[in-house]
N, C-alpha and C. Protein backbone atom coordinates (compact mmCIF):
# COMPACT_ATOMS: atom_id res chain seq x y z
N UNK A 1 37.18 119.74 138.79
CA UNK A 1 38.62 119.57 138.70
C UNK A 1 38.93 118.18 138.13
N UNK A 2 39.94 118.11 137.27
CA UNK A 2 40.29 116.85 136.63
C UNK A 2 41.10 115.96 137.56
N UNK A 3 41.08 114.67 137.27
CA UNK A 3 41.84 113.70 138.07
C UNK A 3 43.22 113.51 137.47
N UNK A 4 44.10 112.86 138.22
CA UNK A 4 45.45 112.56 137.72
C UNK A 4 45.36 111.69 136.46
N UNK A 5 44.44 110.74 136.44
CA UNK A 5 44.27 109.89 135.26
C UNK A 5 43.86 110.67 134.04
N UNK A 6 42.94 111.61 134.22
CA UNK A 6 42.50 112.45 133.09
C UNK A 6 43.65 113.33 132.60
N UNK A 7 44.45 113.84 133.53
CA UNK A 7 45.58 114.67 133.13
C UNK A 7 46.65 113.83 132.44
N UNK A 8 46.83 112.58 132.87
CA UNK A 8 47.78 111.69 132.20
C UNK A 8 47.33 111.46 130.76
N UNK A 9 46.04 111.20 130.57
CA UNK A 9 45.50 111.02 129.22
C UNK A 9 45.70 112.29 128.40
N UNK A 10 45.46 113.45 129.00
CA UNK A 10 45.65 114.72 128.31
C UNK A 10 47.11 114.90 127.86
N UNK A 11 48.04 114.56 128.73
CA UNK A 11 49.46 114.65 128.38
C UNK A 11 49.81 113.69 127.26
N UNK A 12 49.30 112.47 127.32
CA UNK A 12 49.56 111.49 126.26
C UNK A 12 49.03 112.00 124.93
N UNK A 13 47.85 112.58 124.95
CA UNK A 13 47.26 113.11 123.72
C UNK A 13 48.02 114.34 123.23
N UNK A 14 48.50 115.17 124.16
CA UNK A 14 49.30 116.34 123.77
C UNK A 14 50.56 115.90 123.04
N UNK A 15 51.16 114.83 123.50
CA UNK A 15 52.38 114.30 122.88
C UNK A 15 52.08 113.46 121.64
N UNK A 16 50.79 113.20 121.41
CA UNK A 16 50.35 112.38 120.28
C UNK A 16 50.97 110.99 120.32
N UNK A 17 50.88 110.38 121.50
CA UNK A 17 51.40 109.03 121.72
C UNK A 17 50.22 108.13 122.04
N UNK A 18 50.20 106.95 121.47
CA UNK A 18 49.12 106.00 121.74
C UNK A 18 49.26 105.43 123.15
N UNK A 19 48.20 104.83 123.65
CA UNK A 19 48.26 104.18 124.96
C UNK A 19 49.30 103.07 124.96
N UNK A 20 49.35 102.32 123.88
CA UNK A 20 50.32 101.22 123.78
C UNK A 20 51.75 101.77 123.86
N UNK A 21 52.03 102.83 123.10
CA UNK A 21 53.38 103.41 123.10
C UNK A 21 53.77 103.95 124.47
N UNK A 22 52.85 104.69 125.12
CA UNK A 22 53.17 105.25 126.43
C UNK A 22 53.35 104.13 127.46
N UNK A 23 52.56 103.08 127.34
CA UNK A 23 52.73 101.92 128.22
C UNK A 23 54.12 101.31 128.03
N UNK A 24 54.55 101.16 126.77
CA UNK A 24 55.89 100.62 126.49
C UNK A 24 56.97 101.51 127.07
N UNK A 25 56.83 102.82 126.86
CA UNK A 25 57.81 103.77 127.39
C UNK A 25 57.86 103.68 128.91
N UNK A 26 56.69 103.54 129.54
CA UNK A 26 56.61 103.47 131.00
C UNK A 26 56.93 102.10 131.56
N UNK A 27 57.12 101.12 130.70
CA UNK A 27 57.46 99.77 131.16
C UNK A 27 56.31 98.99 131.76
N UNK A 28 55.08 99.29 131.28
CA UNK A 28 53.90 98.59 131.79
C UNK A 28 53.09 98.03 130.61
N UNK A 29 52.11 97.23 130.93
CA UNK A 29 51.22 96.69 129.91
C UNK A 29 50.15 97.72 129.54
N UNK A 30 49.52 97.54 128.39
CA UNK A 30 48.47 98.46 127.94
C UNK A 30 47.35 98.55 128.97
N UNK A 31 46.99 97.42 129.58
CA UNK A 31 45.90 97.41 130.56
C UNK A 31 46.23 98.32 131.74
N UNK A 32 47.48 98.32 132.18
CA UNK A 32 47.90 99.20 133.29
C UNK A 32 47.75 100.66 132.87
N UNK A 33 48.15 100.97 131.62
CA UNK A 33 48.02 102.34 131.12
C UNK A 33 46.56 102.77 131.13
N UNK A 34 45.69 101.90 130.68
CA UNK A 34 44.25 102.20 130.67
C UNK A 34 43.77 102.44 132.10
N UNK A 35 44.19 101.59 133.03
CA UNK A 35 43.80 101.76 134.44
C UNK A 35 44.32 103.08 135.02
N UNK A 36 45.53 103.46 134.66
CA UNK A 36 46.06 104.74 135.14
C UNK A 36 45.17 105.89 134.64
N UNK A 37 44.84 105.85 133.36
CA UNK A 37 44.06 106.93 132.77
C UNK A 37 42.61 106.95 133.27
N UNK A 38 42.09 105.79 133.64
CA UNK A 38 40.72 105.73 134.15
C UNK A 38 40.66 105.92 135.67
N UNK A 39 41.82 106.01 136.32
CA UNK A 39 41.85 106.22 137.77
C UNK A 39 41.73 104.95 138.58
N UNK A 40 41.79 103.79 137.93
CA UNK A 40 41.69 102.51 138.64
C UNK A 40 42.98 102.12 139.35
N UNK A 41 44.10 102.66 138.90
CA UNK A 41 45.41 102.40 139.51
C UNK A 41 46.21 103.69 139.53
N UNK A 42 47.17 103.75 140.44
CA UNK A 42 48.06 104.90 140.53
C UNK A 42 49.44 104.46 140.05
N UNK A 43 50.03 105.19 139.12
CA UNK A 43 51.35 104.78 138.62
C UNK A 43 52.43 104.93 139.69
N UNK A 44 53.45 104.08 139.61
CA UNK A 44 54.55 104.17 140.57
C UNK A 44 55.62 105.12 140.06
N UNK A 45 56.64 105.34 140.88
CA UNK A 45 57.70 106.28 140.56
C UNK A 45 58.49 105.91 139.32
N UNK A 46 58.75 104.62 139.12
CA UNK A 46 59.51 104.19 137.95
C UNK A 46 58.77 104.54 136.67
N UNK A 47 57.46 104.31 136.66
CA UNK A 47 56.64 104.65 135.50
C UNK A 47 56.68 106.16 135.26
N UNK A 48 56.46 106.94 136.31
CA UNK A 48 56.44 108.39 136.18
C UNK A 48 57.78 108.94 135.70
N UNK A 49 58.88 108.38 136.18
CA UNK A 49 60.20 108.82 135.73
C UNK A 49 60.40 108.50 134.25
N UNK A 50 59.96 107.33 133.83
CA UNK A 50 60.12 106.93 132.42
C UNK A 50 59.30 107.82 131.49
N UNK A 51 58.04 108.10 131.86
CA UNK A 51 57.22 108.92 130.97
C UNK A 51 57.65 110.38 131.02
N UNK A 52 58.22 110.81 132.15
CA UNK A 52 58.76 112.17 132.23
C UNK A 52 59.90 112.32 131.24
N UNK A 53 60.73 111.28 131.12
CA UNK A 53 61.85 111.32 130.18
C UNK A 53 61.36 111.40 128.74
N UNK A 54 60.10 111.00 128.50
CA UNK A 54 59.52 111.06 127.16
C UNK A 54 58.78 112.37 126.93
N UNK A 55 58.76 113.27 127.93
CA UNK A 55 58.16 114.58 127.74
C UNK A 55 56.86 114.82 128.48
N UNK A 56 56.37 113.84 129.24
CA UNK A 56 55.14 114.04 130.01
C UNK A 56 55.44 115.01 131.16
N UNK A 57 54.58 116.00 131.34
CA UNK A 57 54.71 116.95 132.45
C UNK A 57 54.12 116.27 133.69
N UNK A 58 54.99 115.58 134.44
CA UNK A 58 54.53 114.79 135.59
C UNK A 58 53.99 115.69 136.70
N UNK A 59 54.55 116.88 136.86
CA UNK A 59 54.02 117.82 137.86
C UNK A 59 52.56 118.11 137.55
N UNK A 60 52.25 118.33 136.28
CA UNK A 60 50.87 118.58 135.89
C UNK A 60 50.00 117.35 136.14
N UNK A 61 50.49 116.18 135.78
CA UNK A 61 49.71 114.95 135.99
C UNK A 61 49.35 114.79 137.47
N UNK A 62 50.33 115.01 138.35
CA UNK A 62 50.11 114.77 139.77
C UNK A 62 49.34 115.88 140.49
N UNK A 63 49.61 117.15 140.10
CA UNK A 63 49.04 118.27 140.86
C UNK A 63 48.03 119.10 140.10
N UNK A 64 48.06 119.05 138.79
CA UNK A 64 47.20 119.92 137.99
C UNK A 64 47.86 121.25 137.67
N UNK A 65 49.07 121.47 138.21
CA UNK A 65 49.82 122.70 137.93
C UNK A 65 50.88 122.41 136.89
N UNK A 66 50.96 123.25 135.88
CA UNK A 66 51.97 123.08 134.85
C UNK A 66 53.33 123.49 135.38
N UNK A 67 54.34 122.76 134.96
CA UNK A 67 55.71 123.13 135.30
C UNK A 67 56.04 124.41 134.55
N UNK A 68 56.89 125.28 135.13
CA UNK A 68 57.28 126.49 134.39
C UNK A 68 57.91 126.10 133.07
N UNK A 69 57.80 126.99 132.08
CA UNK A 69 58.34 126.67 130.76
C UNK A 69 59.82 126.39 130.86
N UNK A 70 60.21 125.34 130.23
CA UNK A 70 61.60 124.92 130.21
C UNK A 70 61.91 124.53 128.78
N UNK A 71 62.83 125.24 128.15
CA UNK A 71 63.16 124.98 126.74
C UNK A 71 63.63 123.55 126.53
N UNK A 72 64.42 123.03 127.48
CA UNK A 72 64.91 121.66 127.32
C UNK A 72 63.76 120.66 127.38
N UNK A 73 62.82 120.89 128.30
CA UNK A 73 61.66 120.00 128.39
C UNK A 73 60.82 120.09 127.12
N UNK A 74 60.67 121.31 126.59
CA UNK A 74 59.90 121.48 125.36
C UNK A 74 60.58 120.76 124.20
N UNK A 75 61.91 120.85 124.12
CA UNK A 75 62.64 120.14 123.06
C UNK A 75 62.47 118.63 123.22
N UNK A 76 62.55 118.17 124.47
CA UNK A 76 62.37 116.75 124.74
C UNK A 76 60.98 116.30 124.30
N UNK A 77 59.99 117.08 124.64
CA UNK A 77 58.61 116.75 124.28
C UNK A 77 58.45 116.70 122.76
N UNK A 78 58.99 117.69 122.06
CA UNK A 78 58.87 117.75 120.61
C UNK A 78 59.63 116.59 119.95
N UNK A 79 60.83 116.33 120.42
CA UNK A 79 61.62 115.23 119.86
C UNK A 79 60.94 113.89 120.10
N UNK A 80 60.34 113.73 121.28
CA UNK A 80 59.62 112.49 121.59
C UNK A 80 58.41 112.32 120.67
N UNK A 81 57.71 113.42 120.44
CA UNK A 81 56.53 113.37 119.56
C UNK A 81 56.94 112.91 118.15
N UNK A 82 58.03 113.45 117.66
CA UNK A 82 58.51 113.06 116.32
C UNK A 82 58.95 111.60 116.33
N UNK A 83 59.78 111.23 117.31
CA UNK A 83 60.34 109.87 117.35
C UNK A 83 59.27 108.81 117.49
N UNK A 84 58.27 109.06 118.34
CA UNK A 84 57.25 108.03 118.56
C UNK A 84 56.28 107.90 117.39
N UNK A 85 56.35 108.83 116.45
CA UNK A 85 55.48 108.71 115.26
C UNK A 85 56.10 107.77 114.22
N UNK A 86 57.34 107.35 114.45
CA UNK A 86 58.03 106.48 113.50
C UNK A 86 57.80 105.02 113.91
N UNK A 87 57.32 104.18 113.00
CA UNK A 87 56.96 102.80 113.35
C UNK A 87 58.18 101.88 113.49
N UNK A 88 58.94 102.09 114.57
CA UNK A 88 60.07 101.22 114.90
C UNK A 88 59.95 100.85 116.38
N UNK A 89 60.86 100.06 116.88
CA UNK A 89 60.80 99.65 118.28
C UNK A 89 60.94 100.85 119.21
N UNK A 90 60.48 100.70 120.44
CA UNK A 90 60.59 101.77 121.43
C UNK A 90 62.04 102.15 121.65
N UNK A 91 62.93 101.17 121.68
CA UNK A 91 64.36 101.44 121.87
C UNK A 91 64.89 102.30 120.71
N UNK A 92 64.50 101.97 119.49
CA UNK A 92 64.93 102.75 118.33
C UNK A 92 64.33 104.15 118.36
N UNK A 93 63.08 104.26 118.80
CA UNK A 93 62.45 105.57 118.91
C UNK A 93 63.21 106.46 119.90
N UNK A 94 63.63 105.89 121.02
CA UNK A 94 64.36 106.68 122.01
C UNK A 94 65.74 107.09 121.48
N UNK A 95 66.35 106.24 120.66
CA UNK A 95 67.62 106.60 120.04
C UNK A 95 67.41 107.75 119.04
N UNK A 96 66.31 107.69 118.30
CA UNK A 96 65.99 108.77 117.37
C UNK A 96 65.73 110.06 118.14
N UNK A 97 64.98 109.94 119.24
CA UNK A 97 64.71 111.11 120.08
C UNK A 97 66.02 111.74 120.56
N UNK A 98 66.95 110.92 121.02
CA UNK A 98 68.23 111.43 121.52
C UNK A 98 69.02 112.12 120.41
N UNK A 99 68.98 111.56 119.21
CA UNK A 99 69.68 112.19 118.09
C UNK A 99 69.02 113.53 117.73
N UNK A 100 67.71 113.58 117.77
CA UNK A 100 67.01 114.84 117.51
C UNK A 100 67.37 115.88 118.56
N UNK A 101 67.41 115.47 119.82
CA UNK A 101 67.77 116.40 120.89
C UNK A 101 69.16 116.97 120.67
N UNK A 102 70.08 116.13 120.26
CA UNK A 102 71.45 116.59 120.02
C UNK A 102 71.47 117.63 118.91
N UNK A 103 70.63 117.45 117.90
CA UNK A 103 70.61 118.41 116.78
C UNK A 103 69.88 119.70 117.13
N UNK A 104 69.08 119.69 118.20
CA UNK A 104 68.31 120.88 118.58
C UNK A 104 68.94 121.65 119.74
N UNK A 105 70.18 121.33 120.09
CA UNK A 105 70.74 121.88 121.31
C UNK A 105 71.42 123.24 121.16
N UNK A 106 71.40 123.85 119.99
CA UNK A 106 72.03 125.16 119.83
C UNK A 106 71.17 126.23 120.50
N UNK A 107 71.77 127.35 120.92
CA UNK A 107 71.00 128.43 121.52
C UNK A 107 69.90 128.96 120.59
N UNK A 108 70.20 129.06 119.31
CA UNK A 108 69.19 129.56 118.36
C UNK A 108 67.99 128.61 118.30
N UNK A 109 68.26 127.30 118.30
CA UNK A 109 67.17 126.32 118.28
C UNK A 109 66.35 126.41 119.56
N UNK A 110 67.01 126.62 120.69
CA UNK A 110 66.31 126.74 121.97
C UNK A 110 65.39 127.96 121.96
N UNK A 111 65.89 129.09 121.45
CA UNK A 111 65.06 130.31 121.39
C UNK A 111 63.86 130.11 120.48
N UNK A 112 64.10 129.50 119.32
CA UNK A 112 63.00 129.27 118.38
C UNK A 112 61.94 128.37 119.00
N UNK A 113 62.38 127.31 119.65
CA UNK A 113 61.43 126.40 120.27
C UNK A 113 60.68 127.07 121.42
N UNK A 114 61.37 127.91 122.18
CA UNK A 114 60.71 128.64 123.27
C UNK A 114 59.62 129.54 122.72
N UNK A 115 59.91 130.24 121.62
CA UNK A 115 58.90 131.10 121.00
C UNK A 115 57.74 130.27 120.47
N UNK A 116 58.05 129.15 119.84
CA UNK A 116 57.02 128.26 119.30
C UNK A 116 56.11 127.77 120.43
N UNK A 117 56.70 127.39 121.56
CA UNK A 117 55.93 126.83 122.68
C UNK A 117 54.98 127.86 123.29
N UNK A 118 55.29 129.13 123.18
CA UNK A 118 54.42 130.17 123.75
C UNK A 118 53.22 130.48 122.86
N UNK A 119 53.22 129.96 121.65
CA UNK A 119 52.12 130.20 120.71
C UNK A 119 50.97 129.22 120.97
N UNK A 120 49.78 129.62 120.51
CA UNK A 120 48.65 128.68 120.55
C UNK A 120 48.82 127.68 119.40
N UNK A 121 47.91 126.72 119.31
CA UNK A 121 48.04 125.66 118.31
C UNK A 121 48.09 126.21 116.88
N UNK A 122 47.31 127.24 116.60
CA UNK A 122 47.30 127.83 115.26
C UNK A 122 48.65 128.48 114.95
N UNK A 123 49.19 129.20 115.92
CA UNK A 123 50.50 129.83 115.74
C UNK A 123 51.60 128.80 115.56
N UNK A 124 51.53 127.71 116.33
CA UNK A 124 52.52 126.64 116.21
C UNK A 124 52.46 126.01 114.83
N UNK A 125 51.24 125.79 114.33
CA UNK A 125 51.09 125.19 113.00
C UNK A 125 51.65 126.12 111.93
N UNK A 126 51.42 127.43 112.08
CA UNK A 126 51.94 128.40 111.11
C UNK A 126 53.46 128.41 111.12
N UNK A 127 54.05 128.43 112.31
CA UNK A 127 55.51 128.42 112.41
C UNK A 127 56.08 127.14 111.80
N UNK A 128 55.44 126.01 112.06
CA UNK A 128 55.91 124.74 111.50
C UNK A 128 55.88 124.75 109.98
N UNK A 129 54.78 125.27 109.41
CA UNK A 129 54.67 125.34 107.94
C UNK A 129 55.74 126.27 107.37
N UNK A 130 55.96 127.40 108.03
CA UNK A 130 56.98 128.34 107.55
C UNK A 130 58.37 127.71 107.60
N UNK A 131 58.65 127.01 108.69
CA UNK A 131 59.97 126.38 108.84
C UNK A 131 60.17 125.32 107.76
N UNK A 132 59.15 124.53 107.48
CA UNK A 132 59.26 123.51 106.45
C UNK A 132 59.50 124.15 105.08
N UNK A 133 58.76 125.23 104.80
CA UNK A 133 58.92 125.91 103.50
C UNK A 133 60.31 126.53 103.38
N UNK A 134 60.78 127.17 104.44
CA UNK A 134 62.11 127.78 104.41
C UNK A 134 63.20 126.72 104.27
N UNK A 135 63.04 125.60 104.97
CA UNK A 135 64.03 124.53 104.89
C UNK A 135 64.07 123.95 103.48
N UNK A 136 62.90 123.75 102.87
CA UNK A 136 62.85 123.24 101.50
C UNK A 136 63.49 124.21 100.53
N UNK A 137 63.17 125.50 100.67
CA UNK A 137 63.74 126.51 99.79
C UNK A 137 65.25 126.61 99.98
N UNK A 138 65.68 126.55 101.23
CA UNK A 138 67.11 126.63 101.53
C UNK A 138 67.86 125.44 100.93
N UNK A 139 67.27 124.26 101.06
CA UNK A 139 67.90 123.06 100.51
C UNK A 139 67.98 123.15 98.99
N UNK A 140 66.91 123.60 98.36
CA UNK A 140 66.89 123.72 96.90
C UNK A 140 67.93 124.75 96.45
N UNK A 141 68.04 125.87 97.16
CA UNK A 141 69.01 126.91 96.81
C UNK A 141 70.43 126.40 96.96
N UNK A 142 70.68 125.66 98.05
CA UNK A 142 72.05 125.17 98.26
C UNK A 142 72.43 124.15 97.18
N UNK A 143 71.48 123.37 96.71
CA UNK A 143 71.78 122.41 95.65
C UNK A 143 72.10 123.12 94.34
N UNK A 144 71.37 124.20 94.05
CA UNK A 144 71.59 124.94 92.81
C UNK A 144 72.91 125.70 92.86
N UNK A 145 73.24 126.27 94.02
CA UNK A 145 74.42 127.11 94.14
C UNK A 145 75.68 126.36 94.56
N UNK A 146 75.60 125.06 94.69
CA UNK A 146 76.78 124.29 95.09
C UNK A 146 77.81 124.31 93.97
N UNK A 147 79.08 124.57 94.34
CA UNK A 147 80.12 124.50 93.31
C UNK A 147 80.30 123.05 92.88
N UNK A 148 80.83 122.84 91.70
CA UNK A 148 81.07 121.46 91.27
C UNK A 148 81.98 120.76 92.27
N UNK A 149 81.75 119.51 92.49
CA UNK A 149 82.56 118.78 93.46
C UNK A 149 83.92 118.47 92.87
N UNK A 150 84.92 118.59 93.70
CA UNK A 150 86.29 118.29 93.30
C UNK A 150 86.51 116.79 93.39
N UNK A 151 87.31 116.24 92.52
CA UNK A 151 87.60 114.81 92.66
C UNK A 151 88.40 114.60 93.94
N UNK A 152 88.30 113.44 94.54
CA UNK A 152 89.06 113.18 95.75
C UNK A 152 90.55 113.36 95.50
N UNK A 153 91.28 113.77 96.55
CA UNK A 153 92.71 114.05 96.41
C UNK A 153 93.48 112.82 95.93
N UNK A 154 93.07 111.65 96.38
CA UNK A 154 93.81 110.46 95.99
C UNK A 154 93.49 110.00 94.56
N UNK A 155 92.49 110.63 93.94
CA UNK A 155 92.15 110.25 92.56
C UNK A 155 93.29 110.57 91.61
N UNK A 156 93.99 111.68 91.87
CA UNK A 156 95.11 112.05 91.00
C UNK A 156 96.23 111.03 91.10
N UNK A 157 96.43 110.48 92.29
CA UNK A 157 97.49 109.49 92.47
C UNK A 157 97.16 108.21 91.72
N UNK A 158 95.85 107.88 91.73
CA UNK A 158 95.43 106.64 91.08
C UNK A 158 95.39 106.77 89.56
N UNK A 159 95.30 108.00 89.05
CA UNK A 159 95.20 108.18 87.60
C UNK A 159 96.54 107.83 86.96
N UNK A 160 96.47 107.13 85.88
CA UNK A 160 97.69 106.75 85.17
C UNK A 160 98.16 107.93 84.32
N UNK A 161 99.47 108.11 84.27
CA UNK A 161 99.96 109.19 83.40
C UNK A 161 99.64 108.87 81.95
N UNK A 162 99.45 109.90 81.19
CA UNK A 162 99.13 109.72 79.76
C UNK A 162 100.35 109.15 79.04
N UNK A 163 100.10 108.25 78.11
CA UNK A 163 101.20 107.67 77.33
C UNK A 163 101.65 108.70 76.31
N UNK A 164 102.96 108.79 76.11
CA UNK A 164 103.43 109.74 75.11
C UNK A 164 102.96 109.27 73.72
N UNK A 165 102.74 110.24 72.86
CA UNK A 165 102.28 109.95 71.49
C UNK A 165 103.43 109.26 70.74
N UNK A 166 103.07 108.32 69.91
CA UNK A 166 104.09 107.61 69.10
C UNK A 166 104.58 108.56 68.03
N UNK A 167 105.87 108.52 67.87
CA UNK A 167 106.46 109.37 66.84
C UNK A 167 106.36 108.65 65.49
N UNK A 168 106.04 109.39 64.52
CA UNK A 168 106.02 108.78 63.19
C UNK A 168 107.42 108.82 62.60
N UNK A 169 107.75 107.81 61.85
CA UNK A 169 109.07 107.74 61.24
C UNK A 169 109.11 108.69 60.06
N UNK A 170 110.12 109.49 60.06
CA UNK A 170 110.27 110.40 58.94
C UNK A 170 111.31 109.82 57.99
N UNK A 171 111.04 109.89 56.73
CA UNK A 171 111.96 109.33 55.75
C UNK A 171 112.94 110.33 55.24
């Protein structure tokens, strides 16, 4: 049977977060993170709450039992994985994560993510590739089919009226 430290390492690797990043998220030093994963120290509640907010399944870390599937937790985990892959400060990463969560909150997005989460790694990779291809094709189609843009409404007000043509003198 695995230890809490081994399960913490497994969760960190599942989220594709480095020890340094997870330590920052948990509000501890890298050495503390290493000690947690090696079983030399036990994390406190504040650390566990912080890493749970980043998508770590704390129930699994502590007991070895996975929490029942929760679409919101899965979205949080996925958004955290994306955000922490961006080389910016931890605070900026969490802001990015929050923005991603807001964009994934529709019922359709929740269903899609729930289906994705039930797949094995190969199935998840296939769905991700399909989604990227469909999004690229959709974006390209929308650019081609976009109607010409209308000038802003105030542009007409700013346009100067045409000068009347000069009349030629008739003899």
